[in-house]
């Protein structure tokens, strides 16, 4: 008998919420759009930002690692998030984690680096629409006004008492990414759906 755990297609942490998320998007008439972006590649990278490794990784990925605190840089399908003075999260399309790790390790050569695949640790929620900022402000302690948290900003913070990485996307109308641990994803999604009823 086949082991279905090895042959079944992967299920995202929020697969059972797809219909509810889509319904909220429809009934809010564009005020709030909620969706899961499942299986994004996520690599935690730690290295000396002042050494040559940071530049080498940037060249290998075609994406400079941001050096300004709480900023995100996007190039094509890749986004690099500043998490600390020597720590970044590189986010890419689903299935690209091995290729990204290989490129990063090859680029740094003999210099010290830590590359950890944390893709399965979190899932990503997209929160966009005309009232996205208002929705997030209900449960986030940060000042999310564009003058303080505009496009290209990111932060490790809390949303509805849940630890998240929040990213203000730099594409027009792209809204926010909310990267949340898979074990808290259902709780946070229930909270977002409840908070969004104000805009339906």
N, C-alpha and C. Protein backbone atom coordinates (compact mmCIF):
# COMPACT_ATOMS: atom_id res chain seq x y z
N UNK A 1 0.85 -1.18 0.00
CA UNK A 1 0.00 0.00 0.00
C UNK A 1 0.89 1.24 0.00
N UNK A 2 0.59 2.20 -0.88
CA UNK A 2 1.40 3.40 -1.03
C UNK A 2 1.23 4.32 0.18
N UNK A 3 2.31 4.97 0.53
CA UNK A 3 2.28 5.95 1.62
C UNK A 3 1.78 7.26 1.04
N UNK A 4 0.53 7.62 1.32
CA UNK A 4 -0.07 8.81 0.71
C UNK A 4 0.59 10.08 1.20
N UNK A 5 1.26 10.04 2.35
CA UNK A 5 1.95 11.23 2.84
C UNK A 5 3.08 11.63 1.90
N UNK A 6 3.64 10.63 1.18
CA UNK A 6 4.73 10.92 0.26
C UNK A 6 4.25 11.22 -1.15
N UNK A 7 3.06 10.80 -1.50
CA UNK A 7 2.59 10.97 -2.87
C UNK A 7 1.52 12.04 -3.03
N UNK A 8 0.88 12.45 -1.94
CA UNK A 8 -0.17 13.47 -2.04
C UNK A 8 0.45 14.83 -2.34
N UNK A 9 -0.23 15.64 -3.15
CA UNK A 9 0.30 16.99 -3.42
C UNK A 9 0.31 17.81 -2.13
N UNK A 10 1.23 18.73 -2.01
CA UNK A 10 1.29 19.54 -0.78
C UNK A 10 0.04 20.41 -0.64
N UNK A 11 -0.36 20.62 0.61
CA UNK A 11 -1.50 21.50 0.90
C UNK A 11 -0.99 22.69 1.68
N UNK A 12 -1.41 23.85 1.28
CA UNK A 12 -0.99 25.05 1.99
C UNK A 12 -1.71 25.14 3.32
N UNK A 13 -1.15 25.88 4.28
CA UNK A 13 -1.79 25.99 5.59
C UNK A 13 -3.20 26.60 5.53
N UNK A 14 -3.48 27.35 4.46
CA UNK A 14 -4.76 28.05 4.38
C UNK A 14 -5.62 27.57 3.22
N UNK A 15 -5.37 26.37 2.72
CA UNK A 15 -6.13 25.90 1.56
C UNK A 15 -7.63 25.86 1.84
N UNK A 16 -8.02 25.54 3.07
CA UNK A 16 -9.45 25.46 3.39
C UNK A 16 -10.11 26.83 3.49
N UNK A 17 -9.32 27.90 3.45
CA UNK A 17 -9.86 29.26 3.54
C UNK A 17 -10.04 29.92 2.17
N UNK A 18 -9.66 29.26 1.11
CA UNK A 18 -9.66 29.89 -0.21
C UNK A 18 -11.01 30.49 -0.57
N UNK A 19 -12.10 29.76 -0.36
CA UNK A 19 -13.43 30.27 -0.72
C UNK A 19 -13.82 31.47 0.13
N UNK A 20 -13.52 31.42 1.43
CA UNK A 20 -13.88 32.54 2.31
C UNK A 20 -13.08 33.79 1.97
N UNK A 21 -11.80 33.61 1.66
CA UNK A 21 -10.97 34.75 1.27
C UNK A 21 -11.48 35.37 -0.03
N UNK A 22 -11.82 34.53 -1.00
CA UNK A 22 -12.34 35.03 -2.27
C UNK A 22 -13.68 35.72 -2.09
N UNK A 23 -14.54 35.18 -1.21
CA UNK A 23 -15.85 35.78 -0.96
C UNK A 23 -15.71 37.18 -0.35
N UNK A 24 -14.78 37.33 0.57
CA UNK A 24 -14.56 38.65 1.18
C UNK A 24 -14.08 39.64 0.13
N UNK A 25 -13.22 39.20 -0.75
CA UNK A 25 -12.73 40.07 -1.82
C UNK A 25 -13.88 40.53 -2.70
N UNK A 26 -14.79 39.59 -3.04
CA UNK A 26 -15.93 39.94 -3.90
C UNK A 26 -16.90 40.89 -3.19
N UNK A 27 -17.28 40.56 -1.97
CA UNK A 27 -18.33 41.32 -1.29
C UNK A 27 -17.87 42.68 -0.79
N UNK A 28 -16.57 42.89 -0.66
CA UNK A 28 -16.09 44.20 -0.21
C UNK A 28 -15.97 45.19 -1.36
N UNK A 29 -16.23 44.73 -2.59
CA UNK A 29 -16.19 45.57 -3.79
C UNK A 29 -14.86 46.33 -3.92
N UNK A 30 -13.78 45.62 -3.68
CA UNK A 30 -12.46 46.22 -3.86
C UNK A 30 -11.91 46.92 -2.63
N UNK A 31 -12.71 47.04 -1.58
CA UNK A 31 -12.20 47.71 -0.37
C UNK A 31 -11.10 46.88 0.28
N UNK A 32 -11.29 45.56 0.29
CA UNK A 32 -10.30 44.65 0.88
C UNK A 32 -10.15 43.44 -0.02
N UNK A 33 -8.92 43.10 -0.32
CA UNK A 33 -8.64 41.87 -1.06
C UNK A 33 -7.75 41.01 -0.19
N UNK A 34 -8.20 39.79 0.08
CA UNK A 34 -7.44 38.85 0.89
C UNK A 34 -7.16 37.59 0.07
N UNK A 35 -5.94 37.14 0.11
CA UNK A 35 -5.57 35.92 -0.62
C UNK A 35 -4.33 35.33 0.02
N UNK A 36 -4.18 34.03 -0.10
CA UNK A 36 -2.95 33.38 0.32
C UNK A 36 -2.03 33.25 -0.89
N UNK A 37 -0.75 33.51 -0.67
CA UNK A 37 0.27 33.26 -1.68
C UNK A 37 1.09 32.06 -1.17
N UNK A 38 0.64 30.86 -1.46
CA UNK A 38 1.25 29.68 -0.84
C UNK A 38 2.60 29.30 -1.44
N UNK A 39 3.40 28.66 -0.62
CA UNK A 39 4.63 27.98 -1.04
C UNK A 39 5.72 28.90 -1.59
N UNK A 40 5.70 30.20 -1.24
CA UNK A 40 6.80 31.06 -1.68
C UNK A 40 8.10 30.54 -1.08
N UNK A 41 9.16 30.57 -1.87
CA UNK A 41 10.48 30.21 -1.36
C UNK A 41 10.93 31.30 -0.39
N UNK A 42 11.44 30.90 0.77
CA UNK A 42 11.90 31.86 1.78
C UNK A 42 13.21 31.34 2.36
N UNK A 43 14.27 32.11 2.16
CA UNK A 43 15.59 31.74 2.66
C UNK A 43 16.08 32.80 3.63
N UNK A 44 16.42 32.37 4.84
CA UNK A 44 17.02 33.26 5.81
C UNK A 44 18.52 33.27 5.55
N UNK A 45 19.07 34.46 5.34
CA UNK A 45 20.48 34.60 4.99
C UNK A 45 21.16 35.47 6.04
N UNK A 46 22.28 34.96 6.58
CA UNK A 46 23.06 35.73 7.55
C UNK A 46 24.50 35.77 7.07
N UNK A 47 25.04 36.98 6.99
CA UNK A 47 26.43 37.18 6.60
C UNK A 47 26.86 38.58 7.00
N UNK A 48 28.15 38.86 6.85
CA UNK A 48 28.70 40.16 7.21
C UNK A 48 28.33 41.17 6.12
N UNK A 49 27.49 42.13 6.50
CA UNK A 49 27.02 43.12 5.52
C UNK A 49 28.15 44.00 5.02
N UNK A 50 29.24 44.12 5.80
CA UNK A 50 30.34 45.01 5.42
C UNK A 50 31.40 44.29 4.60
N UNK A 51 31.29 42.98 4.48
CA UNK A 51 32.27 42.22 3.71
C UNK A 51 31.85 42.12 2.25
N UNK A 52 32.66 41.43 1.49
CA UNK A 52 32.38 41.27 0.06
C UNK A 52 31.25 40.30 -0.23
N UNK A 53 30.86 39.49 0.76
CA UNK A 53 29.83 38.48 0.53
C UNK A 53 28.49 39.10 0.16
N UNK A 54 28.14 40.22 0.81
CA UNK A 54 26.84 40.85 0.54
C UNK A 54 26.76 41.30 -0.91
N UNK A 55 27.83 41.91 -1.40
CA UNK A 55 27.85 42.35 -2.80
C UNK A 55 27.82 41.15 -3.74
N UNK A 56 28.56 40.09 -3.39
CA UNK A 56 28.59 38.90 -4.24
C UNK A 56 27.22 38.25 -4.33
N UNK A 57 26.52 38.18 -3.20
CA UNK A 57 25.17 37.61 -3.21
C UNK A 57 24.25 38.47 -4.06
N UNK A 58 24.37 39.79 -3.91
CA UNK A 58 23.57 40.68 -4.73
C UNK A 58 23.76 40.46 -6.22
N UNK A 59 25.01 40.30 -6.63
CA UNK A 59 25.30 40.05 -8.05
C UNK A 59 24.74 38.71 -8.49
N UNK A 60 24.88 37.70 -7.65
CA UNK A 60 24.40 36.36 -8.01
C UNK A 60 22.89 36.31 -8.16
N UNK A 61 22.19 37.09 -7.34
CA UNK A 61 20.72 37.09 -7.38
C UNK A 61 20.15 38.18 -8.28
N UNK A 62 21.00 39.12 -8.70
CA UNK A 62 20.49 40.27 -9.46
C UNK A 62 19.62 41.15 -8.56
N UNK A 63 19.99 41.17 -7.28
CA UNK A 63 19.16 41.84 -6.28
C UNK A 63 20.04 42.26 -5.12
N UNK A 64 20.23 43.55 -4.94
CA UNK A 64 21.06 44.03 -3.84
C UNK A 64 20.39 43.73 -2.50
N UNK A 65 21.15 43.23 -1.54
CA UNK A 65 20.62 43.04 -0.20
C UNK A 65 20.47 44.42 0.44
N UNK A 66 19.28 44.76 0.94
CA UNK A 66 19.09 46.10 1.52
C UNK A 66 19.92 46.27 2.78
N UNK A 67 20.55 47.44 2.92
CA UNK A 67 21.35 47.73 4.09
C UNK A 67 20.66 48.72 5.03
N UNK A 68 19.63 49.38 4.54
CA UNK A 68 18.87 50.29 5.40
C UNK A 68 17.86 49.48 6.21
N UNK A 69 17.81 49.72 7.53
CA UNK A 69 16.88 48.95 8.37
C UNK A 69 15.44 49.02 7.89
N UNK A 70 14.76 47.87 7.98
CA UNK A 70 13.33 47.75 7.68
C UNK A 70 12.97 48.18 6.26
N UNK A 71 13.81 47.79 5.32
CA UNK A 71 13.51 48.05 3.92
C UNK A 71 13.48 46.74 3.14
N UNK A 72 12.80 46.78 2.01
CA UNK A 72 12.69 45.64 1.11
C UNK A 72 13.09 46.09 -0.29
N UNK A 73 13.81 45.25 -0.98
CA UNK A 73 14.19 45.53 -2.36
C UNK A 73 13.70 44.39 -3.23
N UNK A 74 13.05 44.76 -4.33
CA UNK A 74 12.51 43.75 -5.24
C UNK A 74 13.18 43.89 -6.60
N UNK A 75 13.46 42.77 -7.22
CA UNK A 75 13.97 42.74 -8.59
C UNK A 75 13.38 41.51 -9.25
N UNK A 76 12.54 41.71 -10.23
CA UNK A 76 11.88 40.59 -10.89
C UNK A 76 11.01 39.82 -9.92
N UNK A 77 11.27 38.51 -9.81
CA UNK A 77 10.46 37.66 -8.93
C UNK A 77 11.04 37.52 -7.52
N UNK A 78 12.15 38.18 -7.27
CA UNK A 78 12.80 38.06 -5.96
C UNK A 78 12.61 39.32 -5.14
N UNK A 79 12.50 39.14 -3.83
CA UNK A 79 12.44 40.24 -2.89
C UNK A 79 13.36 39.92 -1.73
N UNK A 80 14.16 40.90 -1.32
CA UNK A 80 15.04 40.74 -0.16
C UNK A 80 14.54 41.67 0.94
N UNK A 81 14.32 41.13 2.13
CA UNK A 81 13.82 41.89 3.27
C UNK A 81 14.93 42.02 4.31
N UNK A 82 15.17 43.24 4.79
CA UNK A 82 16.13 43.47 5.87
C UNK A 82 15.49 43.05 7.17
N UNK A 83 16.10 42.10 7.88
CA UNK A 83 15.59 41.67 9.18
C UNK A 83 16.50 42.09 10.33
N UNK A 84 17.74 42.39 10.03
CA UNK A 84 18.70 42.79 11.04
C UNK A 84 19.99 43.20 10.37
N UNK A 85 20.97 43.73 11.15
CA UNK A 85 22.22 44.22 10.55
C UNK A 85 22.97 43.17 9.74
N UNK A 86 22.77 41.89 10.05
CA UNK A 86 23.46 40.84 9.29
C UNK A 86 22.49 39.74 8.86
N UNK A 87 21.21 40.11 8.72
CA UNK A 87 20.18 39.09 8.43
C UNK A 87 19.16 39.60 7.42
N UNK A 88 18.85 38.73 6.46
CA UNK A 88 17.87 39.05 5.43
C UNK A 88 16.96 37.84 5.19
N UNK A 89 15.80 38.11 4.64
CA UNK A 89 14.93 37.05 4.16
C UNK A 89 14.79 37.26 2.66
N UNK A 90 15.21 36.26 1.89
CA UNK A 90 15.08 36.31 0.43
C UNK A 90 13.85 35.51 0.06
N UNK A 91 12.92 36.17 -0.62
CA UNK A 91 11.65 35.54 -0.98
C UNK A 91 11.59 35.42 -2.51
N UNK A 92 11.24 34.21 -2.95
CA UNK A 92 11.18 33.97 -4.38
C UNK A 92 9.97 33.12 -4.74
N UNK A 93 9.82 32.80 -6.01
CA UNK A 93 8.68 32.01 -6.45
C UNK A 93 8.71 30.60 -5.89
N UNK A 94 7.56 29.95 -5.81
CA UNK A 94 7.51 28.58 -5.30
C UNK A 94 8.46 27.66 -6.05
N UNK A 95 9.15 26.82 -5.29
CA UNK A 95 10.03 25.83 -5.89
C UNK A 95 11.44 26.32 -6.21
N UNK A 96 11.74 27.58 -5.92
CA UNK A 96 13.05 28.13 -6.28
C UNK A 96 14.06 28.08 -5.14
N UNK A 97 13.68 27.52 -3.99
CA UNK A 97 14.55 27.60 -2.82
C UNK A 97 15.91 26.92 -3.02
N UNK A 98 15.94 25.76 -3.65
CA UNK A 98 17.23 25.07 -3.83
C UNK A 98 18.15 25.84 -4.76
N UNK A 99 17.58 26.35 -5.84
CA UNK A 99 18.39 27.14 -6.77
C UNK A 99 18.93 28.39 -6.10
N UNK A 100 18.10 29.07 -5.33
CA UNK A 100 18.54 30.28 -4.64
C UNK A 100 19.65 29.96 -3.64
N UNK A 101 19.48 28.89 -2.88
CA UNK A 101 20.50 28.53 -1.90
C UNK A 101 21.82 28.20 -2.59
N UNK A 102 21.76 27.47 -3.69
CA UNK A 102 22.98 27.12 -4.43
C UNK A 102 23.69 28.38 -4.93
N UNK A 103 22.92 29.31 -5.47
CA UNK A 103 23.51 30.55 -6.00
C UNK A 103 24.15 31.37 -4.88
N UNK A 104 23.47 31.45 -3.73
CA UNK A 104 24.01 32.24 -2.61
C UNK A 104 25.30 31.61 -2.10
N UNK A 105 25.30 30.30 -1.90
CA UNK A 105 26.49 29.63 -1.35
C UNK A 105 27.66 29.72 -2.34
N UNK A 106 27.38 29.59 -3.61
CA UNK A 106 28.46 29.70 -4.61
C UNK A 106 29.02 31.11 -4.65
N UNK A 107 28.17 32.10 -4.46
CA UNK A 107 28.61 33.49 -4.55
C UNK A 107 29.55 33.88 -3.42
N UNK A 108 29.30 33.37 -2.21
CA UNK A 108 30.11 33.81 -1.06
C UNK A 108 31.45 33.08 -0.97
N UNK A 109 31.58 31.97 -1.67
CA UNK A 109 32.84 31.24 -1.65
C UNK A 109 33.21 30.79 -0.25
N UNK A 110 34.37 31.24 0.22
CA UNK A 110 34.89 30.80 1.53
C UNK A 110 34.44 31.70 2.68
N UNK A 111 33.74 32.78 2.37
CA UNK A 111 33.31 33.69 3.44
C UNK A 111 32.20 33.05 4.27
N UNK A 112 32.15 33.35 5.57
CA UNK A 112 31.12 32.75 6.42
C UNK A 112 29.72 33.20 6.01
N UNK A 113 28.82 32.24 5.94
CA UNK A 113 27.43 32.55 5.59
C UNK A 113 26.53 31.48 6.21
N UNK A 114 25.34 31.88 6.58
CA UNK A 114 24.31 30.93 7.01
C UNK A 114 23.12 31.10 6.08
N UNK A 115 22.72 30.02 5.44
CA UNK A 115 21.56 30.04 4.55
C UNK A 115 20.61 28.95 5.02
N UNK A 116 19.43 29.34 5.46
CA UNK A 116 18.46 28.39 6.00
C UNK A 116 17.16 28.49 5.24
N UNK A 117 16.72 27.37 4.70
CA UNK A 117 15.44 27.32 4.00
C UNK A 117 14.31 27.31 5.04
N UNK A 118 13.56 28.41 5.11
CA UNK A 118 12.44 28.51 6.06
C UNK A 118 11.11 28.58 5.31
N UNK A 119 11.09 28.07 4.10
CA UNK A 119 9.89 28.15 3.26
C UNK A 119 8.68 27.50 3.91
N UNK A 120 8.89 26.37 4.58
CA UNK A 120 7.77 25.64 5.20
C UNK A 120 7.37 26.23 6.54
N UNK A 121 8.16 27.16 7.04
CA UNK A 121 7.88 27.74 8.35
C UNK A 121 6.72 28.72 8.30
N UNK A 122 6.60 29.43 7.18
CA UNK A 122 5.59 30.49 7.07
C UNK A 122 4.77 30.32 5.80
N UNK A 123 3.59 30.95 5.83
CA UNK A 123 2.86 31.17 4.59
C UNK A 123 2.68 32.68 4.46
N UNK A 124 2.19 33.11 3.31
CA UNK A 124 2.08 34.54 3.04
C UNK A 124 0.64 34.90 2.70
N UNK A 125 0.14 35.91 3.39
CA UNK A 125 -1.17 36.47 3.08
C UNK A 125 -0.98 37.78 2.34
N UNK A 126 -1.76 37.96 1.29
CA UNK A 126 -1.80 39.24 0.58
C UNK A 126 -3.00 40.01 1.10
N UNK A 127 -2.75 41.23 1.56
CA UNK A 127 -3.82 42.11 2.01
C UNK A 127 -3.71 43.38 1.18
N UNK A 128 -4.69 43.61 0.33
CA UNK A 128 -4.66 44.79 -0.53
C UNK A 128 -6.07 45.36 -0.65
N UNK A 129 -6.21 46.38 -1.47
CA UNK A 129 -7.50 47.06 -1.62
C UNK A 129 -7.46 48.42 -0.96
N UNK A 130 -8.49 49.22 -1.23
CA UNK A 130 -8.54 50.60 -0.76
C UNK A 130 -8.49 50.72 0.76
N UNK A 131 -8.99 49.72 1.48
CA UNK A 131 -9.02 49.79 2.95
C UNK A 131 -8.03 48.83 3.62
N UNK A 132 -7.05 48.35 2.86
CA UNK A 132 -6.08 47.39 3.41
C UNK A 132 -5.34 47.97 4.61
N UNK A 133 -4.89 49.21 4.47
CA UNK A 133 -4.15 49.84 5.55
C UNK A 133 -5.01 49.95 6.81
N UNK A 134 -6.28 50.35 6.63
CA UNK A 134 -7.19 50.47 7.77
C UNK A 134 -7.41 49.12 8.44
N UNK A 135 -7.56 48.08 7.64
CA UNK A 135 -7.77 46.74 8.18
C UNK A 135 -6.59 46.31 9.04
N UNK A 136 -5.37 46.48 8.52
CA UNK A 136 -4.19 46.08 9.27
C UNK A 136 -3.98 46.93 10.51
N UNK A 137 -4.34 48.20 10.43
CA UNK A 137 -4.15 49.10 11.57
C UNK A 137 -4.99 48.69 12.77
N UNK A 138 -6.06 47.94 12.56
CA UNK A 138 -6.88 47.45 13.67
C UNK A 138 -6.08 46.59 14.64
N UNK A 139 -5.07 45.88 14.13
CA UNK A 139 -4.37 44.93 14.99
C UNK A 139 -2.87 45.06 15.01
N UNK A 140 -2.32 46.11 14.37
CA UNK A 140 -0.86 46.26 14.28
C UNK A 140 -0.43 47.52 15.03
N UNK A 141 0.59 47.42 15.88
CA UNK A 141 1.02 48.59 16.65
C UNK A 141 1.83 49.61 15.86
N UNK A 142 2.25 49.28 14.64
CA UNK A 142 3.05 50.20 13.85
C UNK A 142 2.21 51.32 13.27
N UNK A 143 2.84 52.46 13.02
CA UNK A 143 2.20 53.52 12.25
C UNK A 143 2.32 53.12 10.78
N UNK A 144 1.20 52.74 10.19
CA UNK A 144 1.21 52.22 8.82
C UNK A 144 0.94 53.29 7.77
N UNK A 145 0.82 54.54 8.20
CA UNK A 145 0.60 55.62 7.22
C UNK A 145 1.77 55.61 6.22
N UNK A 146 1.49 55.86 4.95
CA UNK A 146 2.56 55.80 3.94
C UNK A 146 3.78 56.67 4.25
N UNK A 147 3.60 57.74 5.01
CA UNK A 147 4.76 58.58 5.33
C UNK A 147 5.73 57.85 6.27
N UNK A 148 5.21 56.88 7.04
CA UNK A 148 6.05 56.13 7.98
C UNK A 148 6.34 54.71 7.51
N UNK A 149 5.42 54.12 6.77
CA UNK A 149 5.57 52.73 6.34
C UNK A 149 5.11 52.63 4.89
N UNK A 150 5.82 53.35 4.04
CA UNK A 150 5.44 53.39 2.63
C UNK A 150 5.96 52.20 1.85
N UNK A 151 5.75 52.23 0.56
CA UNK A 151 6.19 51.14 -0.32
C UNK A 151 7.67 50.88 -0.14
N UNK A 152 8.02 49.61 -0.08
CA UNK A 152 9.41 49.24 0.09
C UNK A 152 9.86 49.15 1.54
N UNK A 153 8.92 49.22 2.47
CA UNK A 153 9.25 49.08 3.89
C UNK A 153 8.85 47.68 4.37
N UNK A 154 9.53 47.18 5.39
CA UNK A 154 9.17 45.91 6.00
C UNK A 154 9.50 45.98 7.48
N UNK A 155 8.87 45.12 8.27
CA UNK A 155 9.14 45.10 9.70
C UNK A 155 8.71 43.77 10.29
N UNK A 156 9.46 43.34 11.30
CA UNK A 156 9.01 42.24 12.14
C UNK A 156 8.16 42.86 13.24
N UNK A 157 6.91 42.48 13.31
CA UNK A 157 5.98 43.13 14.22
C UNK A 157 4.93 42.12 14.66
N UNK A 158 3.85 42.61 15.24
CA UNK A 158 2.72 41.75 15.57
C UNK A 158 1.48 42.26 14.87
N UNK A 159 0.61 41.33 14.55
CA UNK A 159 -0.71 41.63 13.99
C UNK A 159 -1.68 40.72 14.73
N UNK A 160 -2.63 41.33 15.42
CA UNK A 160 -3.56 40.57 16.25
C UNK A 160 -2.79 39.65 17.21
N UNK A 161 -1.75 40.19 17.80
CA UNK A 161 -0.90 39.49 18.78
C UNK A 161 -0.13 38.32 18.19
N UNK A 162 -0.04 38.25 16.89
CA UNK A 162 0.69 37.19 16.21
C UNK A 162 1.95 37.77 15.59
N UNK A 163 3.09 37.13 15.78
CA UNK A 163 4.33 37.61 15.18
C UNK A 163 4.27 37.42 13.67
N UNK A 164 4.58 38.50 12.95
CA UNK A 164 4.56 38.46 11.49
C UNK A 164 5.73 39.27 10.95
N UNK A 165 6.00 39.07 9.69
CA UNK A 165 6.84 40.00 8.93
C UNK A 165 5.88 40.71 7.99
N UNK A 166 5.82 42.03 8.11
CA UNK A 166 4.89 42.83 7.31
C UNK A 166 5.69 43.57 6.25
N UNK A 167 5.21 43.51 5.00
CA UNK A 167 5.92 44.12 3.88
C UNK A 167 4.95 45.00 3.11
N UNK A 168 5.30 46.28 2.95
CA UNK A 168 4.54 47.18 2.09
C UNK A 168 5.09 47.02 0.68
N UNK A 169 4.32 46.40 -0.19
CA UNK A 169 4.79 46.09 -1.54
C UNK A 169 5.01 47.37 -2.34
N UNK A 170 5.98 47.33 -3.25
CA UNK A 170 6.33 48.53 -3.99
C UNK A 170 5.68 48.62 -5.36
N UNK A 171 4.78 47.68 -5.67
CA UNK A 171 4.06 47.75 -6.94
C UNK A 171 2.76 48.52 -6.70
N UNK A 172 2.31 49.34 -7.68
CA UNK A 172 1.09 50.12 -7.49
C UNK A 172 -0.10 49.22 -7.14
N UNK A 173 -0.78 49.54 -6.05
CA UNK A 173 -1.96 48.79 -5.63
C UNK A 173 -1.68 47.40 -5.10
N UNK A 174 -0.40 47.08 -4.87
CA UNK A 174 -0.05 45.71 -4.47
C UNK A 174 -0.34 45.43 -3.01
N UNK A 175 -0.52 46.46 -2.20
CA UNK A 175 -0.88 46.25 -0.81
C UNK A 175 0.27 45.71 0.02
N UNK A 176 -0.03 44.75 0.88
CA UNK A 176 0.90 44.26 1.87
C UNK A 176 1.02 42.74 1.81
N UNK A 177 2.23 42.26 2.09
CA UNK A 177 2.43 40.86 2.39
C UNK A 177 2.44 40.72 3.91
N UNK A 178 1.78 39.69 4.41
CA UNK A 178 1.85 39.33 5.82
C UNK A 178 2.41 37.92 5.88
N UNK A 179 3.67 37.79 6.28
CA UNK A 179 4.31 36.49 6.40
C UNK A 179 4.10 36.01 7.83
N UNK A 180 3.39 34.91 7.98
CA UNK A 180 3.01 34.42 9.30
C UNK A 180 3.39 32.94 9.42
N UNK A 181 3.78 32.55 10.62
CA UNK A 181 4.12 31.13 10.84
C UNK A 181 2.90 30.27 10.52
N UNK A 182 3.15 29.15 9.92
CA UNK A 182 2.07 28.27 9.49
C UNK A 182 1.16 27.86 10.65
N UNK A 183 1.73 27.69 11.84
CA UNK A 183 0.93 27.26 12.99
C UNK A 183 -0.02 28.34 13.48
N UNK A 184 0.22 29.60 13.10
CA UNK A 184 -0.66 30.70 13.50
C UNK A 184 -1.51 31.22 12.34
N UNK A 185 -1.34 30.64 11.16
CA UNK A 185 -1.98 31.17 9.96
C UNK A 185 -3.50 31.13 10.05
N UNK A 186 -4.07 30.04 10.55
CA UNK A 186 -5.53 29.94 10.64
C UNK A 186 -6.09 30.98 11.59
N UNK A 187 -5.46 31.12 12.76
CA UNK A 187 -5.92 32.11 13.72
C UNK A 187 -5.90 33.51 13.10
N UNK A 188 -4.79 33.87 12.46
CA UNK A 188 -4.67 35.22 11.90
C UNK A 188 -5.67 35.43 10.76
N UNK A 189 -5.89 34.41 9.96
CA UNK A 189 -6.85 34.53 8.86
C UNK A 189 -8.26 34.71 9.40
N UNK A 190 -8.63 33.97 10.43
CA UNK A 190 -9.94 34.19 11.05
C UNK A 190 -10.07 35.63 11.56
N UNK A 191 -9.00 36.13 12.16
CA UNK A 191 -9.03 37.52 12.65
C UNK A 191 -9.22 38.51 11.51
N UNK A 192 -8.47 38.32 10.42
CA UNK A 192 -8.59 39.22 9.27
C UNK A 192 -9.98 39.17 8.65
N UNK A 193 -10.53 37.96 8.52
CA UNK A 193 -11.87 37.83 7.95
C UNK A 193 -12.91 38.53 8.83
N UNK A 194 -12.76 38.38 10.14
CA UNK A 194 -13.69 39.04 11.06
C UNK A 194 -13.54 40.55 10.98
N UNK A 195 -12.30 41.03 11.00
CA UNK A 195 -12.06 42.49 10.95
C UNK A 195 -12.52 43.08 9.62
N UNK A 196 -12.47 42.30 8.56
CA UNK A 196 -12.87 42.80 7.24
C UNK A 196 -14.37 42.98 7.08
N UNK A 197 -15.18 42.39 7.99
CA UNK A 197 -16.63 42.52 7.84
C UNK A 197 -17.07 43.99 7.90
N UNK A 198 -16.27 44.84 8.50
CA UNK A 198 -16.59 46.27 8.55
C UNK A 198 -16.67 46.88 7.17
N UNK A 199 -15.98 46.29 6.20
CA UNK A 199 -15.88 46.88 4.86
C UNK A 199 -16.74 46.15 3.84
N UNK A 200 -17.58 45.23 4.30
CA UNK A 200 -18.43 44.45 3.39
C UNK A 200 -19.80 45.07 3.33
